Each structure stands twice: as C-alpha cells, then as structure tokens.
C-alpha cells in the first residue's frame, strides 16, 4: 500500500477542478475532525469546493464521511413507540419553524432528535434562539438527549463533541471565509449531522427569495433535489420543500422575540399567518414520510388536534424544563425572556403599501444590533431584533410602522432604522405576494 497523498495535494487537485475519490474525501474529513488539517487548509479546501463544486458521488461521499466522523446514534435499544423524524431549514429571517415543529411532531407520535446550528451570515440560528431561555442547555450529555427523545418525544440541541465533529469545525470556517453558499458544503453539513441521528425520515425546508442563501429559484430547486437524492442514497427517506423567503417568515426577527412568537403559536394566541401555514405544511409532510398517517387529510387533522388540545405546547414545556430551562416558561414568558431597553417604531418615509423587501438586509440589521455574530464565538444579545414587521402588501403610514426595533442603545436603534428603510420598498400599489410553497420533492430509499 502506497503512502497517502499529502492534504495539500488533495486540496490542489480540487482547486484545479478534479474529482476526489471516496478515500481522498475520507482522509480530508478525518483531518478536519482530528485537527491534523490546519485552519488555513480547511479554509482553502472550503474555497476550492466553493469555486469548483462537487459531483453527486463526491457530495454523497463527503456527506457520509462527515456523518461517520463521530458517533452515529442508534435507537432500537430504546424501543421507541414511533418513528425517528427530523426537519431542517437552509435558514432565513424570522424562521422559527423548528421551535414549533419539533414539539408538534412529538405530540403526534414522532420522536425528534433535532441537532441544530447557530446563525450563519444574515440568518438566525435555532440554538441562539433557545439560549435566550435562561438555563436552557444546548449541550446535554448523550444520556439526557436520548432520554428526552424517548420520554418527551423531542430534544433540540447542538452538536455534541461526538456527533459529526468534522462538520462542527468546517461549519465555523465557512461562516468567516465567504464559502457558506456552496451546494456540496451545504448538503454535506446539513445531512452529515442529521443522518448521524439515525433518522427514519427527514423533511428539508429549502428557502428561495431575497432572504435565502441560494441566489436564484433554480439554485434553490437544485439544492432541494440534491438533498433529497443524497439523503435517500445514504439510507434516509427524505422530502424536500422549496418555500418562500422573500419576506421574513414570522413578523419578528431576533432570538428572544422569536421564542415569544413560538410560544404565542403553541399556546393558541396566534392561529394564522405565514409561519403557521409553513410549519403545518412541513409537519404534515413529515408525518406522511414517517408513516404516522396515510393521507394529507389525516396529517392535517392530527396536527390540528395536537395544537388545539395543548399537547404540542406541553411537549415544548417539558423539553425546556428537561434541558434546564424554567418549568413555567409557557405561563410566564415575560418573567424569563430578556427585553431590550430601547424599543423604537420605524416608519416609512412615505405612506403606501410594502412592495418588496431585501430580506437579507433585514437579517443583517439584526446582526448589526448584536443579535448575530460577525466572528466565530462572538457573544450575541438575545434581547435585540425586530418585531411587528410589516408584510408584503401591508400598508405603512403614520399609524402603522414598518417595524419596531429592539436595541441596546438609542444609537443602535437609529442605525437599524436606517437599514430597515433602505431594505423595504413602499409604493402606491403592492406587488402580489408569492406562494409559500414553490415545490415538493419526495425520495424513497433505493
């Protein structure tokens, strides 16, 4: 057996546009995971893949290598009474679907070991939102994680030290090297840690529009197809939906603000809107993929009953308490979720209807307020963000602001206000709102 090629030679090969075989990819991923590849080499590899791309077989090999870089969870020993299911989104602004969908699926008989990430670029991260809840631990030990998945039906956590460790390092490097928007890197990052959770089925939410990572509707469709194909080839039944992100999904953006919105939906204070519709659609597809129901009508009926009965809210409360958060969060959110000291209404320069939004710019306004990271490991302020965001077609005038800015200081609020006015176009007539679901792609395991 010959000596293994040097990592820099493999990086050179990818830089020059050559396909890497499975063994080479496994070697590189092992080096990312064990630290034998330097940060400079990991960044160079990410940029080479970003610029040169990867074929479907390379992407599958990269996904499986990341999945296998640490522990792969197995559930038969726990004798779960229902399927192991999960959902993931490519990210957006005001996208708090995971906070609602996980407990909702659990209340319908599924078991959801949801391993989530932090914010990337202009998008909010599920872990950052949950850490706005005092005491909530996103890094429990494996025994606690497995116990909650069995007893509560859902646990939303971050990557453990043993779960897809290569992805954790590569994920952090991508965020600061302008290599986030790479199809094979996105697919392998998402699926590497998701498939390490031993899923029976996965539903993927791929965003399209001004707040999506993928620049065009065609790119979003390609990502959805690639995820569904690669995941099914790796052994997990997968449905991918292409959904709209031409405006924030919820009427808010910011960590504590989004937790409050999730509680409003779960407890019945909110019973309408784009967030509820999108979450319900994704959850129905997951119930179907997990064989918990045999028709879309049955899926919707089971979901509606679980929400109306309070069962979904109860699962969320048990998950929060089980991971160290307050036991009375549902009843007294105002006593636990932090609030910004400055709240300022932002009005449009002229009265009219919201015609378009630069959703990415709205997300970056939250980052500028301190609600996201510009450097790995940077502390974020869970209090800040935007609320009462106007939606496309809605009228803005002296009475109805475009949004409320929640900020640490008055100067921060003024800067965010300028960003909002630049990001939102108001005109006499509004353009029609796009449909919420653009496409649905279903793939069975071959």
Protein backbone atom coordinates (compact mmCIF):
# COMPACT_ATOMS: atom_id res chain seq x y z
CA UNK A 1 0.00 0.00 0.00
CA UNK A 2 1.46 3.36 -1.01
CA UNK A 3 1.75 6.38 1.23
CA UNK A 4 -1.32 8.59 1.47
CA UNK A 5 -1.12 11.82 -0.52
CA UNK A 6 -0.43 15.00 1.38
CA UNK A 7 -3.56 17.03 2.24
CA UNK A 8 -2.26 19.99 0.27
CA UNK A 9 -2.05 17.81 -2.85
CA UNK A 10 -5.67 16.77 -2.44
CA UNK A 11 -6.65 20.41 -1.95
CA UNK A 12 -4.63 21.29 -5.05
CA UNK A 13 -6.47 18.61 -7.05
CA UNK A 14 -9.85 20.04 -6.05
CA UNK A 15 -8.63 23.58 -6.67
CA UNK A 16 -7.71 22.54 -10.20
CA UNK A 17 -11.14 21.07 -10.84
CA UNK A 18 -10.51 17.35 -10.40
CA UNK A 19 -12.98 15.00 -8.73
CA UNK A 20 -11.84 13.47 -5.45
CA UNK A 21 -12.45 9.78 -4.81
CA UNK A 22 -14.11 8.45 -1.66
CA UNK A 23 -10.77 7.60 0.01
CA UNK A 24 -9.39 11.11 -0.53
CA UNK A 25 -12.54 12.69 0.85
CA UNK A 26 -12.46 10.42 3.90
CA UNK A 27 -8.82 11.39 4.50
CA UNK A 28 -9.60 15.12 4.34
CA UNK A 29 -12.65 14.84 6.58
CA UNK A 30 -10.67 12.81 9.11
CA UNK A 31 -8.05 15.58 9.13
CA UNK A 32 -10.71 18.22 9.72
CA UNK A 33 -12.13 16.21 12.60
CA UNK A 34 -8.89 15.32 14.37
CA UNK A 35 -7.19 18.68 13.82
CA UNK A 36 -4.37 17.43 11.60
CA UNK A 37 -5.57 19.85 8.89
CA UNK A 38 -4.76 23.43 9.83
CA UNK A 39 -7.39 26.18 9.77
CA UNK A 40 -5.71 27.54 6.65
CA UNK A 41 -6.04 24.16 4.92
CA UNK A 42 -9.70 23.79 5.95
CA UNK A 43 -10.41 27.27 4.60
CA UNK A 44 -8.54 26.51 1.36
CA UNK A 45 -10.47 23.27 0.91
CA UNK A 46 -13.79 25.04 1.50
CA UNK A 47 -12.88 27.70 -1.07
CA UNK A 48 -11.77 25.07 -3.61
CA UNK A 49 -15.08 23.24 -3.22
CA UNK A 50 -16.98 26.54 -3.39
CA UNK A 51 -15.27 27.53 -6.65
CA UNK A 52 -15.04 24.11 -8.33
CA UNK A 53 -18.07 22.31 -6.95
CA UNK A 54 -18.51 18.58 -6.43
CA UNK A 55 -20.31 15.90 -8.38
CA UNK A 56 -23.17 13.90 -6.86
CA UNK A 57 -20.91 10.97 -5.91
CA UNK A 58 -18.39 13.32 -4.28
CA UNK A 59 -21.18 15.03 -2.35
CA UNK A 60 -22.52 11.68 -1.16
CA UNK A 61 -19.02 10.61 -0.07
CA UNK A 62 -18.47 13.92 1.75
CA UNK A 63 -21.84 13.61 3.50
CA UNK A 64 -21.19 10.05 4.64
CA UNK A 65 -17.64 10.89 5.77
CA UNK A 66 -18.96 13.77 7.90
CA UNK A 67 -21.74 11.55 9.27
CA UNK A 68 -19.22 8.86 10.18
CA UNK A 69 -16.62 11.26 11.64
CA UNK A 70 -18.16 10.66 15.08
CA UNK A 71 -20.93 8.75 16.80
CA UNK A 72 -23.91 7.60 14.73
CA UNK A 73 -26.94 7.27 17.01
CA UNK A 74 -28.96 4.09 17.07
CA UNK A 75 -32.41 3.85 18.65
CA UNK A 76 -33.59 0.18 18.63
CA UNK A 77 -32.37 -0.41 22.20
CA UNK A 78 -34.77 2.29 23.47
CA UNK A 79 -37.77 0.55 21.91
CA UNK A 80 -39.34 3.82 20.75
CA UNK A 81 -43.08 3.56 20.05
CA UNK A 82 -42.86 5.81 16.99
CA UNK A 83 -40.51 6.73 14.12
CA UNK A 84 -37.40 8.91 14.49
CA UNK A 85 -38.03 12.06 12.45
CA UNK A 86 -36.41 15.42 11.87
CA UNK A 87 -36.62 18.62 9.88
CA UNK A 88 -34.04 21.14 8.78
CA UNK A 89 -34.14 24.53 7.06
CA UNK A 90 -31.48 26.22 4.95
CA UNK A 91 -32.17 29.29 7.06
CA UNK A 92 -33.82 32.62 6.73
CA UNK A 93 -35.10 35.60 8.67
CA UNK A 94 -37.83 35.10 11.24
CA UNK A 95 -37.69 31.35 10.58
CA UNK A 96 -38.54 29.79 13.94
CA UNK A 97 -40.27 26.73 12.46
CA UNK A 98 -38.06 24.27 14.37
CA UNK A 99 -39.18 25.62 17.75
CA UNK A 100 -42.78 24.79 16.88
CA UNK A 101 -42.47 21.80 14.57
CA UNK A 102 -40.35 19.63 16.90
CA UNK A 103 -42.83 19.52 19.79
CA UNK A 104 -45.76 19.45 17.37
CA UNK A 105 -44.44 16.26 15.73
CA UNK A 106 -43.74 14.78 19.17
CA UNK A 107 -47.36 15.38 20.15
CA UNK A 108 -48.38 13.41 17.05
CA UNK A 109 -46.34 10.31 17.90
CA UNK A 110 -42.95 11.03 16.36
CA UNK A 111 -39.56 11.21 18.09
CA UNK A 112 -37.44 14.19 17.10
CA UNK A 113 -33.70 14.23 17.96
CA UNK A 114 -33.14 17.67 16.42
CA UNK A 115 -29.49 18.71 16.19
CA UNK A 116 -29.47 22.36 15.20
CA UNK A 117 -26.93 25.07 14.49
CA UNK A 118 -26.19 28.67 15.23
CA UNK A 119 -26.78 31.62 12.96
CA UNK A 120 -24.89 31.77 9.68
CA UNK A 121 -24.46 35.13 7.98
CA UNK A 122 -27.78 37.00 7.96
CA UNK A 123 -29.85 34.08 9.25
CA UNK A 124 -30.85 33.32 12.80
CA UNK A 125 -29.80 30.07 14.46
CA UNK A 126 -32.13 27.77 16.40
CA UNK A 127 -29.57 27.30 19.18
CA UNK A 128 -29.16 31.05 19.62
CA UNK A 129 -32.93 31.37 19.98
CA UNK A 130 -33.15 28.61 22.56
CA UNK A 131 -30.26 30.08 24.55
CA UNK A 132 -32.41 33.18 25.06
CA UNK A 133 -34.30 30.94 27.52
CA UNK A 134 -32.47 31.13 30.89
CA UNK A 135 -30.88 27.84 31.86
CA UNK A 136 -31.59 26.01 28.59
CA UNK A 137 -28.63 23.77 27.81
CA UNK A 138 -27.97 23.05 24.15
CA UNK A 139 -25.12 20.69 25.07
CA UNK A 140 -26.58 17.97 27.29
CA UNK A 141 -24.88 14.62 27.71
CA UNK A 142 -25.93 11.87 25.33
CA UNK A 143 -27.89 10.02 28.01
CA UNK A 144 -30.06 13.09 28.69
CA UNK A 145 -30.57 13.65 24.98
CA UNK A 146 -31.69 10.08 24.39
CA UNK A 147 -33.94 10.08 27.48
CA UNK A 148 -35.76 13.23 26.37
CA UNK A 149 -36.22 11.92 22.83
CA UNK A 150 -37.90 8.82 24.29
CA UNK A 151 -39.90 10.36 27.14
CA UNK A 152 -40.81 13.79 25.74
CA UNK A 153 -40.54 12.97 22.06
CA UNK A 154 -38.30 15.92 21.22
CA UNK A 155 -34.95 17.42 22.19
CA UNK A 156 -33.44 20.34 20.28
CA UNK A 157 -29.72 20.57 20.99
CA UNK A 158 -26.40 21.49 19.39
CA UNK A 159 -23.80 19.13 18.08
CA UNK A 160 -22.20 17.09 20.83
CA UNK A 161 -18.47 16.52 20.83
CA UNK A 162 -19.09 13.05 19.42
CA UNK A 163 -21.67 13.92 16.75
CA UNK A 164 -20.25 14.79 13.29
CA UNK A 165 -17.23 16.60 14.78
CA UNK A 166 -15.77 17.33 11.36
CA UNK A 167 -18.85 19.36 10.44
CA UNK A 168 -18.66 21.48 13.57
CA UNK A 169 -15.22 22.75 12.59
CA UNK A 170 -15.99 23.11 8.88
CA UNK A 171 -19.26 24.93 9.70
CA UNK A 172 -17.40 27.57 11.72
CA UNK A 173 -14.78 28.09 9.00
CA UNK A 174 -17.40 28.52 6.26
CA UNK A 175 -19.09 31.31 8.20
CA UNK A 176 -15.98 33.54 8.07
CA UNK A 177 -14.48 32.59 4.70
CA UNK A 178 -17.37 33.53 2.35
CA UNK A 179 -17.97 29.88 1.48
CA UNK A 180 -21.43 29.42 3.01
CA UNK A 181 -23.32 29.37 -0.30
CA UNK A 182 -21.79 26.18 -1.71
CA UNK A 183 -24.13 23.36 -2.74
CA UNK A 184 -21.96 20.38 -1.70
CA UNK A 185 -20.86 22.08 1.53
CA UNK A 186 -24.44 22.96 2.47
CA UNK A 187 -25.71 19.47 1.64
CA UNK A 188 -22.93 17.61 3.48
CA UNK A 189 -23.13 19.91 6.50
CA UNK A 190 -26.88 19.55 6.87
CA UNK A 191 -27.06 15.85 6.16
CA UNK A 192 -23.84 14.84 7.91
CA UNK A 193 -25.18 15.76 11.34
CA UNK A 194 -28.81 14.94 10.55
CA UNK A 195 -28.09 11.42 9.33
CA UNK A 196 -25.82 10.82 12.32
CA UNK A 197 -29.02 10.93 14.39
CA UNK A 198 -30.29 7.65 12.94
CA UNK A 199 -33.43 9.04 11.28
CA UNK A 200 -36.27 7.10 9.72
CA UNK A 201 -37.32 10.15 7.70
CA UNK A 202 -36.28 13.75 7.12
CA UNK A 203 -38.12 16.80 5.80
CA UNK A 204 -35.99 19.59 4.38
CA UNK A 205 -37.11 23.21 4.04
CA UNK A 206 -35.13 24.91 1.27
CA UNK A 207 -35.67 28.66 1.11
CA UNK A 208 -35.92 30.78 -2.01
CA UNK A 209 -36.20 34.56 -2.32
CA UNK A 210 -34.28 37.60 -1.12
CA UNK A 211 -33.60 36.11 2.31
CA UNK A 212 -32.35 32.74 1.06
CA UNK A 213 -28.72 31.66 0.84
CA UNK A 214 -29.23 30.30 -2.65
CA UNK A 215 -29.20 33.22 -5.10
CA UNK A 216 -31.91 32.05 -7.50
CA UNK A 217 -35.06 29.93 -7.56
CA UNK A 218 -33.23 27.49 -9.84
CA UNK A 219 -30.38 27.15 -7.32
CA UNK A 220 -32.87 26.52 -4.51
CA UNK A 221 -34.57 23.82 -6.55
CA UNK A 222 -31.19 22.22 -7.30
CA UNK A 223 -30.33 22.23 -3.60
CA UNK A 224 -33.66 20.61 -2.69
CA UNK A 225 -33.20 17.89 -5.31
CA UNK A 226 -29.60 17.24 -4.24
CA UNK A 227 -30.51 16.96 -0.55
CA UNK A 228 -33.39 14.59 -1.27
CA UNK A 229 -31.24 12.47 -3.58
CA UNK A 230 -28.14 12.32 -1.37
CA UNK A 231 -30.09 11.62 1.83
CA UNK A 232 -32.09 8.83 0.22
CA UNK A 233 -28.91 7.31 -1.27
CA UNK A 234 -27.44 7.42 2.25
CA UNK A 235 -30.42 5.48 3.58
CA UNK A 236 -32.97 8.03 4.85
CA UNK A 237 -36.37 8.65 3.26
CA UNK A 238 -36.48 12.39 2.51
CA UNK A 239 -38.92 15.05 1.36
CA UNK A 240 -37.60 18.48 0.37
CA UNK A 241 -39.84 21.53 0.05
CA UNK A 242 -38.87 24.80 -1.62
CA UNK A 243 -40.54 27.57 0.39
CA UNK A 244 -40.67 31.34 0.19
CA UNK A 245 -38.22 33.66 1.91
CA UNK A 246 -38.95 36.89 0.03
CA UNK A 247 -40.01 38.33 3.38
CA UNK A 248 -39.43 37.26 7.00
CA UNK A 249 -41.44 34.17 7.82
CA UNK A 250 -42.60 35.45 11.21
CA UNK A 251 -43.49 39.09 11.99
CA UNK A 252 -40.32 39.28 14.07
CA UNK A 253 -36.59 38.53 13.95
CA UNK A 254 -34.29 38.23 16.94
CA UNK A 255 -33.68 35.50 19.46
CA UNK A 256 -35.92 36.18 22.47
CA UNK A 257 -38.54 37.78 20.22
CA UNK A 258 -38.76 34.62 18.13
CA UNK A 259 -39.12 32.42 21.22
CA UNK A 260 -42.04 34.62 22.29
CA UNK A 261 -43.61 34.18 18.85
CA UNK A 262 -43.21 30.39 19.08
CA UNK A 263 -44.99 30.42 22.44
CA UNK A 264 -47.81 32.51 21.02
CA UNK A 265 -48.35 29.96 18.28
CA UNK A 266 -48.08 26.92 20.53
CA UNK A 267 -50.45 28.31 23.16
CA UNK A 268 -53.08 29.44 20.66
CA UNK A 269 -52.56 33.18 20.99
CA UNK A 270 -51.73 33.16 17.27
CA UNK A 271 -53.72 30.95 14.92
CA UNK A 272 -52.89 32.34 11.49
CA UNK A 273 -50.09 33.70 9.34
CA UNK A 274 -47.29 32.52 7.09
CA UNK A 275 -45.33 30.96 9.98
CA UNK A 276 -48.20 28.69 11.00
CA UNK A 277 -49.04 27.73 7.41
CA UNK A 278 -45.43 26.85 6.54
CA UNK A 279 -44.87 24.92 9.77
CA UNK A 280 -48.12 22.97 9.34
CA UNK A 281 -47.23 22.06 5.75
CA UNK A 282 -43.75 20.82 6.72
CA UNK A 283 -45.11 18.90 9.70
CA UNK A 284 -47.74 17.19 7.55
CA UNK A 285 -45.07 16.04 5.10
CA UNK A 286 -43.02 14.66 8.00
CA UNK A 287 -45.96 12.70 9.40
CA UNK A 288 -46.50 11.22 5.94
CA UNK A 289 -42.82 10.39 5.44
CA UNK A 290 -42.72 8.78 8.89
CA UNK A 291 -45.76 6.61 8.08
CA UNK A 292 -47.67 8.03 11.06
CA UNK A 293 -50.61 8.86 8.77
CA UNK A 294 -51.67 7.61 5.37
CA UNK A 295 -53.04 10.79 3.78
CA UNK A 296 -52.55 14.56 3.81
CA UNK A 297 -56.06 14.97 5.23
CA UNK A 298 -55.24 12.67 8.15
CA UNK A 299 -51.96 14.52 8.73
CA UNK A 300 -53.67 17.90 8.95
CA UNK A 301 -56.36 16.54 11.27
CA UNK A 302 -53.82 15.04 13.67
CA UNK A 303 -51.76 18.22 13.70
CA UNK A 304 -54.74 20.46 14.33
CA UNK A 305 -55.87 18.28 17.23
CA UNK A 306 -52.40 18.26 18.80
CA UNK A 307 -52.19 22.04 18.63
CA UNK A 308 -55.74 22.79 19.80
CA UNK A 309 -55.50 20.36 22.74
CA UNK A 310 -52.33 21.97 24.07
CA UNK A 311 -50.35 18.75 23.59
CA UNK A 312 -47.73 20.43 21.37
CA UNK A 313 -47.23 23.26 23.89
CA UNK A 314 -46.92 20.72 26.68
CA UNK A 315 -44.13 18.89 24.81
CA UNK A 316 -42.26 22.18 24.35
CA UNK A 317 -42.57 22.96 28.05
CA UNK A 318 -41.30 19.51 29.05
CA UNK A 319 -38.35 19.80 26.66
CA UNK A 320 -37.37 23.23 28.05
CA UNK A 321 -37.58 22.02 31.64
CA UNK A 322 -35.72 18.81 30.80
CA UNK A 323 -32.82 20.81 29.36
CA UNK A 324 -32.51 23.15 32.33
CA UNK A 325 -34.94 25.93 31.45
CA UNK A 326 -37.76 27.30 33.62
CA UNK A 327 -40.71 24.99 34.23
CA UNK A 328 -43.21 27.87 33.90
CA UNK A 329 -41.99 29.43 30.65
CA UNK A 330 -45.34 28.90 28.92
CA UNK A 331 -47.27 30.58 31.73
CA UNK A 332 -44.85 33.41 32.49
CA UNK A 333 -42.61 34.14 29.48
CA UNK A 334 -42.27 37.80 30.46
CA UNK A 335 -40.52 36.82 33.67
CA UNK A 336 -37.89 34.75 31.86
CA UNK A 337 -37.23 36.11 28.36
CA UNK A 338 -34.98 39.19 28.28
CA UNK A 339 -36.22 42.50 26.87
CA UNK A 340 -34.23 45.26 25.16
CA UNK A 341 -34.07 48.62 26.96
CA UNK A 342 -34.84 50.61 23.78
CA UNK A 343 -37.90 49.94 21.59
CA UNK A 344 -38.38 52.34 18.67
CA UNK A 345 -41.01 52.43 15.93
CA UNK A 346 -39.68 52.81 12.37
CA UNK A 347 -41.99 54.47 9.86
CA UNK A 348 -41.59 54.63 6.11
CA UNK A 349 -40.59 57.91 4.52
CA UNK A 350 -43.97 57.94 2.75
CA UNK A 351 -47.32 56.26 3.21
CA UNK A 352 -48.08 53.30 0.95
CA UNK A 353 -48.04 49.54 0.68
CA UNK A 354 -44.98 47.35 1.12
CA UNK A 355 -43.99 46.37 -2.41
CA UNK A 356 -40.75 44.46 -1.82
CA UNK A 357 -38.16 43.63 0.81
CA UNK A 358 -34.47 42.91 0.87
CA UNK A 359 -34.91 40.18 3.48
CA UNK A 360 -31.19 39.53 3.72
CA UNK A 361 -30.66 43.19 4.66
CA UNK A 362 -33.29 42.86 7.40
CA UNK A 363 -31.38 39.89 8.80
CA UNK A 364 -28.15 41.86 8.70
CA UNK A 365 -29.85 44.67 10.61
CA UNK A 366 -30.46 42.18 13.42
CA UNK A 367 -26.79 41.14 13.26
CA UNK A 368 -25.74 44.81 13.46
CA UNK A 369 -27.93 45.25 16.53
CA UNK A 370 -25.95 42.46 18.17
CA UNK A 371 -28.40 39.63 17.53
CA UNK A 372 -25.96 37.68 15.32
CA UNK A 373 -22.25 37.03 15.01
CA UNK A 374 -19.62 38.64 12.82
CA UNK A 375 -16.83 36.42 14.23
CA UNK A 376 -16.92 32.80 15.46
CA UNK A 377 -17.68 32.60 19.16
CA UNK A 378 -18.75 36.24 19.41
CA UNK A 379 -21.32 36.87 22.15
CA UNK A 380 -24.77 37.89 20.97
CA UNK A 381 -27.50 39.93 22.64
CA UNK A 382 -30.69 37.83 22.90
CA UNK A 383 -32.81 40.91 23.61
CA UNK A 384 -32.42 42.73 20.32
CA UNK A 385 -34.23 42.40 17.00
CA UNK A 386 -37.31 43.47 15.10
CA UNK A 387 -40.98 42.96 15.89
CA UNK A 388 -44.31 43.89 14.31
CA UNK A 389 -42.66 43.60 10.90
CA UNK A 390 -44.97 44.67 8.10
CA UNK A 391 -45.59 42.02 5.46
CA UNK A 392 -45.69 42.35 1.68
CA UNK A 393 -48.83 44.19 0.62
CA UNK A 394 -49.43 45.67 4.05
CA UNK A 395 -49.91 49.41 4.36
CA UNK A 396 -47.38 51.53 6.21
CA UNK A 397 -48.26 55.03 7.37
CA UNK A 398 -48.13 57.32 10.38
CA UNK A 399 -50.19 54.83 12.38
CA UNK A 400 -48.63 51.57 11.16
CA UNK A 401 -44.80 51.40 11.40
CA UNK A 402 -42.70 49.17 9.21
CA UNK A 403 -41.38 47.54 12.39
CA UNK A 404 -40.39 48.04 15.99
CA UNK A 405 -36.65 47.98 16.63
CA UNK A 406 -35.49 46.43 19.90
CA UNK A 407 -32.00 47.72 20.68
CA UNK A 408 -29.42 48.04 23.43
CA UNK A 409 -28.90 51.78 22.78
CA UNK A 410 -30.67 54.63 21.04
CA UNK A 411 -27.79 54.93 18.54
CA UNK A 412 -28.13 51.23 17.65
CA UNK A 413 -31.85 51.73 17.11
CA UNK A 414 -31.28 54.68 14.78
CA UNK A 415 -28.78 52.72 12.70
CA UNK A 416 -31.18 49.79 12.41
CA UNK A 417 -33.98 52.17 11.43
CA UNK A 418 -31.89 53.45 8.52
CA UNK A 419 -31.19 49.86 7.43
CA UNK A 420 -34.90 49.00 7.56
CA UNK A 421 -35.99 51.97 5.46
CA UNK A 422 -33.36 51.09 2.86
CA UNK A 423 -34.44 47.43 2.80
CA UNK A 424 -38.21 47.93 2.45
CA UNK A 425 -39.77 49.49 -0.66
CA UNK A 426 -43.11 51.23 -0.19
CA UNK A 427 -45.25 52.22 -3.19
CA UNK A 428 -48.83 53.14 -4.01
CA UNK A 429 -49.66 49.61 -5.12
CA UNK A 430 -48.21 46.40 -3.76
CA UNK A 431 -46.93 43.51 -5.83
CA UNK A 432 -48.77 40.22 -5.27
CA UNK A 433 -47.32 38.03 -2.51
CA UNK A 434 -45.57 34.87 -3.75
CA UNK A 435 -46.88 31.44 -2.84
CA UNK A 436 -45.49 29.91 0.34
CA UNK A 437 -44.59 26.51 -1.14
CA UNK A 438 -42.93 26.50 -4.57
CA UNK A 439 -42.11 22.80 -4.93
CA UNK A 440 -42.21 19.44 -3.17
CA UNK A 441 -39.64 16.70 -3.91
CA UNK A 442 -40.06 13.24 -2.36
CA UNK A 443 -37.43 10.48 -2.47
CA UNK A 444 -37.57 6.92 -1.15
CA UNK A 445 -34.53 4.87 -0.16
CA UNK A 446 -33.44 2.84 -3.21
